[in-house]
Amino acid sequence: MKRFIIFLILLLIGANILIAQSIPTVNIEIKDSADKKGGLASTIKIALLFTLLGLTPAILMLTTSFTRIIISFHFLRTAMGTQGVPPNQVLIGLALFLTVFIMSPVALKINEVGIIPYNKGEINEMEALKRSAEPVKKFMLSQTREKDLALFYKLSKKKFPEKKEDVSMITLIPSFILSELKTAFQIGFLLYIPFLIIDVIVASILVSLGMIFLPPIMVSLPFKIVLFILADGWFLITNSLLRSFGMGG
């Protein structure tokens, strides 16, 4: 028995040695030297990259058309009273693809003025970031109310710029978010009106018939769905949302 145990131990040691010799070694080396064009060091690039990846979802939601679209869709679903239909995954997916469609001219401009010159080595990282921010700033300025922009300049005790190009991103982003929330709630209010009218009419009819124990939502829901289908609701809402961003002239 002792010989058998010693044999197993020697066998395991030999197997570990063979496995250790067969595994290739991988060396990861990070150099702190910056490039010749005055770029950032490798460690700083990696740190900025990971930071940017963590902030990407927030950046995509709050600096694009996504906020207005998704809030409008949720208002629509609540007004219809269909609970979880369409599900959140469908609404978010549709909002994402509509956002890609709306923001595609901005993305193409960013690729033209920032990414391509950077890949060719014509500009460094900071210059590429500055150029890439200009199309995004132009888009946000076109959708931001001057009243919201003036609010943040007033609170920061800074002078309101004479040219829109001089607006800082730190002030523009919260102003844009505030404007998008207001616009989305206005759209949601307009979506609520026709469905609210149906609810009131159905509730009045049920009360007049003495059917007070029958939930009005059970009766009004089919009428809401029929009205939405007959009016081609998804087409109208999508068309209105796209045109609210200046699509189609």
Protein backbone atom coordinates (compact mmCIF):
# COMPACT_ATOMS: atom_id res chain seq x y z
CA MET A 1 0.00 0.00 0.00
CA LYS A 2 2.83 2.38 0.87
CA ARG A 3 4.55 1.59 -2.43
CA PHE A 4 1.32 2.31 -4.29
CA ILE A 5 0.90 5.70 -2.58
CA ILE A 6 4.54 6.64 -3.32
CA PHE A 7 4.00 5.61 -6.94
CA LEU A 8 0.91 7.87 -7.22
CA ILE A 9 2.79 10.82 -5.71
CA LEU A 10 5.69 10.40 -8.15
CA LEU A 11 3.21 10.05 -11.01
CA LEU A 12 1.44 13.31 -10.06
CA ILE A 13 4.76 15.16 -9.72
CA GLY A 14 5.85 13.96 -13.15
CA ALA A 15 2.53 14.95 -14.69
CA ASN A 16 2.78 18.44 -13.20
CA ILE A 17 6.28 18.86 -14.58
CA LEU A 18 5.16 17.80 -18.06
CA ILE A 19 2.14 20.14 -17.98
CA ALA A 20 4.26 23.05 -16.78
CA GLN A 21 6.75 22.50 -19.60
CA SER A 22 4.02 22.27 -22.26
CA ILE A 23 2.25 25.53 -21.33
CA PRO A 24 3.71 28.51 -23.23
CA THR A 25 4.74 31.53 -21.20
CA VAL A 26 3.01 34.85 -21.83
CA ASN A 27 4.68 38.11 -20.94
CA ILE A 28 2.68 41.32 -20.71
CA GLU A 29 4.73 44.47 -20.84
CA ILE A 30 3.44 48.03 -20.72
CA LYS A 31 5.83 50.76 -21.76
CA ASP A 32 5.33 54.28 -20.48
CA SER A 33 6.94 55.95 -23.44
CA ALA A 34 4.81 58.33 -25.46
CA ASP A 35 4.82 58.43 -29.24
CA LYS A 36 6.78 60.91 -31.30
CA LYS A 37 3.79 63.13 -32.07
CA GLY A 38 3.24 64.09 -28.46
CA GLY A 39 0.63 61.41 -27.78
CA LEU A 40 -0.22 59.86 -24.47
CA ALA A 41 1.77 57.11 -22.77
CA SER A 42 0.53 53.54 -23.11
CA THR A 43 -0.55 53.23 -19.48
CA ILE A 44 -2.60 56.42 -19.73
CA LYS A 45 -4.17 55.20 -22.98
CA ILE A 46 -5.23 51.93 -21.33
CA ALA A 47 -6.63 53.74 -18.29
CA LEU A 48 -8.61 56.15 -20.50
CA LEU A 49 -9.85 53.25 -22.61
CA PHE A 50 -11.23 51.33 -19.65
CA THR A 51 -12.79 54.51 -18.24
CA LEU A 52 -14.41 55.24 -21.58
CA LEU A 53 -15.77 51.70 -21.84
CA GLY A 54 -17.39 52.07 -18.43
CA LEU A 55 -19.02 55.36 -19.39
CA THR A 56 -20.05 54.29 -22.90
CA PRO A 57 -23.67 53.27 -22.01
CA ALA A 58 -24.30 56.58 -20.25
CA ILE A 59 -22.70 58.54 -23.09
CA LEU A 60 -24.76 56.74 -25.74
CA MET A 61 -28.02 57.27 -23.83
CA LEU A 62 -27.55 60.88 -22.77
CA THR A 63 -25.83 62.45 -25.80
CA THR A 64 -27.95 60.86 -28.52
CA SER A 65 -31.63 60.58 -29.44
CA PHE A 66 -32.10 57.44 -27.33
CA THR A 67 -33.58 59.20 -24.27
CA ARG A 68 -36.45 60.85 -26.14
CA ILE A 69 -37.33 57.71 -28.07
CA ILE A 70 -37.35 55.24 -25.17
CA ILE A 71 -39.35 57.55 -22.89
CA SER A 72 -41.93 58.12 -25.64
CA PHE A 73 -42.29 54.36 -26.17
CA HIS A 74 -42.79 53.75 -22.45
CA PHE A 75 -45.44 56.47 -22.31
CA LEU A 76 -47.20 54.80 -25.23
CA ARG A 77 -47.22 51.39 -23.56
CA THR A 78 -48.49 52.85 -20.30
CA ALA A 79 -51.24 54.81 -22.06
CA MET A 80 -52.45 51.71 -23.88
CA GLY A 81 -52.42 49.71 -20.65
CA THR A 82 -50.88 46.62 -22.25
CA GLN A 83 -48.61 46.02 -19.23
CA GLY A 84 -45.47 44.28 -20.53
CA VAL A 85 -46.41 44.23 -24.22
CA PRO A 86 -44.25 45.07 -26.12
CA PRO A 87 -41.58 43.82 -23.69
CA ASN A 88 -38.72 46.05 -22.60
CA GLN A 89 -36.24 44.17 -24.81
CA VAL A 90 -38.27 44.98 -27.91
CA LEU A 91 -38.73 48.65 -27.02
CA ILE A 92 -35.05 49.10 -26.16
CA GLY A 93 -33.99 47.28 -29.35
CA LEU A 94 -36.25 49.45 -31.50
CA ALA A 95 -35.05 52.58 -29.73
CA LEU A 96 -31.42 51.56 -30.30
CA PHE A 97 -31.88 50.97 -34.04
CA LEU A 98 -33.78 54.24 -34.43
CA THR A 99 -30.96 55.95 -32.55
CA VAL A 100 -28.40 54.40 -34.91
CA PHE A 101 -30.46 55.60 -37.89
CA ILE A 102 -30.75 59.15 -36.53
CA MET A 103 -27.14 59.40 -35.40
CA SER A 104 -25.60 57.81 -38.52
CA PRO A 105 -24.78 61.19 -40.17
CA VAL A 106 -23.06 62.27 -36.94
CA ALA A 107 -21.12 58.99 -36.77
CA LEU A 108 -19.98 59.34 -40.38
CA LYS A 109 -18.79 62.87 -39.70
CA ILE A 110 -16.87 61.71 -36.60
CA ASN A 111 -15.22 59.00 -38.67
CA GLU A 112 -14.29 61.51 -41.36
CA VAL A 113 -12.83 64.29 -39.22
CA GLY A 114 -11.49 62.35 -36.25
CA ILE A 115 -10.98 58.61 -36.62
CA ILE A 116 -9.53 58.43 -40.15
CA PRO A 117 -6.89 61.17 -39.59
CA TYR A 118 -5.94 59.57 -36.26
CA ASN A 119 -5.51 56.12 -37.85
CA LYS A 120 -3.31 57.70 -40.51
CA GLY A 121 -1.13 59.26 -37.81
CA GLU A 122 -1.94 62.82 -38.90
CA ILE A 123 -3.24 63.89 -35.48
CA ASN A 124 -2.80 62.74 -31.88
CA GLU A 125 -5.43 61.47 -29.44
CA MET A 126 -6.42 64.85 -27.98
CA GLU A 127 -6.88 66.44 -31.38
CA ALA A 128 -8.92 63.44 -32.57
CA LEU A 129 -11.13 63.70 -29.49
CA LYS A 130 -11.61 67.43 -30.03
CA ARG A 131 -12.56 66.99 -33.68
CA SER A 132 -14.88 64.07 -32.92
CA ALA A 133 -16.76 66.12 -30.32
CA GLU A 134 -17.71 68.83 -32.82
CA PRO A 135 -20.38 66.82 -34.77
CA VAL A 136 -21.89 65.62 -31.48
CA LYS A 137 -21.95 69.18 -30.16
CA LYS A 138 -23.64 70.40 -33.34
CA PHE A 139 -26.34 67.75 -33.00
CA MET A 140 -26.99 68.51 -29.34
CA LEU A 141 -27.13 72.26 -29.97
CA SER A 142 -29.80 71.73 -32.63
CA GLN A 143 -32.00 69.92 -30.07
CA THR A 144 -31.26 72.04 -26.98
CA ARG A 145 -33.49 74.89 -25.90
CA GLU A 146 -31.73 78.18 -25.32
CA LYS A 147 -33.63 78.56 -22.05
CA ASP A 148 -32.14 75.33 -20.67
CA LEU A 149 -28.68 76.30 -21.85
CA ALA A 150 -28.98 79.74 -20.23
CA LEU A 151 -30.02 78.13 -16.94
CA PHE A 152 -26.74 76.24 -16.52
CA TYR A 153 -24.66 79.24 -17.56
CA LYS A 154 -26.51 81.35 -15.02
CA LEU A 155 -25.99 78.81 -12.23
CA SER A 156 -22.30 78.47 -13.08
CA LYS A 157 -21.98 82.29 -13.12
CA LYS A 158 -20.42 82.26 -16.55
CA LYS A 159 -21.12 84.61 -19.43
CA PHE A 160 -23.41 83.21 -22.09
CA PRO A 161 -21.34 82.77 -25.30
CA GLU A 162 -22.20 84.84 -28.33
CA LYS A 163 -21.55 81.93 -30.71
CA LYS A 164 -22.97 78.44 -30.31
CA GLU A 165 -19.61 76.97 -31.23
CA ASP A 166 -18.15 78.39 -28.01
CA VAL A 167 -20.55 76.43 -25.78
CA SER A 168 -18.66 74.00 -23.55
CA MET A 169 -19.59 70.33 -23.50
CA ILE A 170 -19.81 70.36 -19.70
CA THR A 171 -22.65 72.87 -19.91
CA LEU A 172 -24.20 71.56 -23.11
CA ILE A 173 -24.72 67.93 -22.04
CA PRO A 174 -26.99 68.61 -19.00
CA SER A 175 -28.85 71.26 -21.00
CA PHE A 176 -29.43 68.76 -23.80
CA ILE A 177 -30.66 66.10 -21.35
CA LEU A 178 -33.08 68.57 -19.78
CA SER A 179 -34.45 69.54 -23.19
CA GLU A 180 -34.81 65.91 -24.23
CA LEU A 181 -36.74 65.05 -21.06
CA LYS A 182 -39.12 67.95 -21.60
CA THR A 183 -39.71 67.03 -25.25
CA ALA A 184 -40.24 63.36 -24.36
CA PHE A 185 -42.83 64.23 -21.72
CA GLN A 186 -44.63 66.51 -24.18
CA ILE A 187 -44.80 63.64 -26.66
CA GLY A 188 -46.00 61.33 -23.89
CA PHE A 189 -48.80 63.75 -22.97
CA LEU A 190 -49.99 63.87 -26.58
CA LEU A 191 -49.93 60.06 -26.73
CA TYR A 192 -52.04 59.81 -23.60
CA ILE A 193 -54.94 61.98 -24.82
CA PRO A 194 -56.69 59.61 -27.32
CA PHE A 195 -56.35 56.60 -25.01
CA LEU A 196 -57.56 58.61 -22.03
CA ILE A 197 -60.66 59.66 -23.98
CA ILE A 198 -61.45 55.99 -24.68
CA ASP A 199 -61.04 55.15 -20.98
CA VAL A 200 -63.41 57.96 -19.95
CA ILE A 201 -66.06 56.98 -22.52
CA VAL A 202 -65.94 53.29 -21.56
CA ALA A 203 -66.06 54.09 -17.84
CA SER A 204 -69.06 56.41 -18.34
CA ILE A 205 -70.93 53.76 -20.32
CA LEU A 206 -70.27 51.06 -17.72
CA VAL A 207 -71.44 53.32 -14.89
CA SER A 208 -74.61 54.26 -16.77
CA LEU A 209 -75.35 50.55 -17.33
CA GLY A 210 -74.76 49.80 -13.67
CA MET A 211 -71.76 47.58 -14.37
CA ILE A 212 -69.61 49.21 -11.72
CA PHE A 213 -67.87 45.98 -10.74
CA LEU A 214 -66.49 45.40 -14.25
CA PRO A 215 -63.00 46.95 -14.59
CA PRO A 216 -63.10 49.57 -17.37
CA ILE A 217 -59.57 48.60 -18.50
CA MET A 218 -60.82 45.16 -19.56
CA VAL A 219 -63.36 46.72 -21.90
CA SER A 220 -61.32 49.69 -23.14
CA LEU A 221 -58.15 47.72 -23.94
CA PRO A 222 -59.53 46.03 -27.10
CA PHE A 223 -60.83 49.39 -28.34
CA LYS A 224 -57.42 50.96 -27.74
CA ILE A 225 -55.67 48.22 -29.68
CA VAL A 226 -58.16 48.47 -32.57
CA LEU A 227 -57.76 52.26 -32.67
CA PHE A 228 -53.97 51.93 -32.66
CA ILE A 229 -54.04 49.38 -35.48
CA LEU A 230 -56.48 51.35 -37.64
CA ALA A 231 -54.45 54.53 -37.21
CA ASP A 232 -51.21 52.65 -38.03
CA GLY A 233 -49.85 53.84 -34.72
CA TRP A 234 -46.29 52.53 -34.92
CA PHE A 235 -45.79 54.21 -38.28
CA LEU A 236 -47.16 57.53 -37.03
CA ILE A 237 -45.12 57.52 -33.83
CA THR A 238 -41.88 56.48 -35.54
CA ASN A 239 -42.42 59.07 -38.27
CA SER A 240 -43.10 61.80 -35.69
CA LEU A 241 -40.04 60.89 -33.62
CA LEU A 242 -37.74 60.89 -36.64
CA ARG A 243 -39.10 64.21 -37.87
CA SER A 244 -38.70 65.74 -34.40
CA PHE A 245 -34.94 65.32 -34.90
CA GLY A 246 -35.04 67.01 -38.30
CA MET A 247 -35.02 63.82 -40.38
CA GLY A 248 -36.63 64.08 -43.80
CA GLY A 249 -36.24 67.83 -44.02
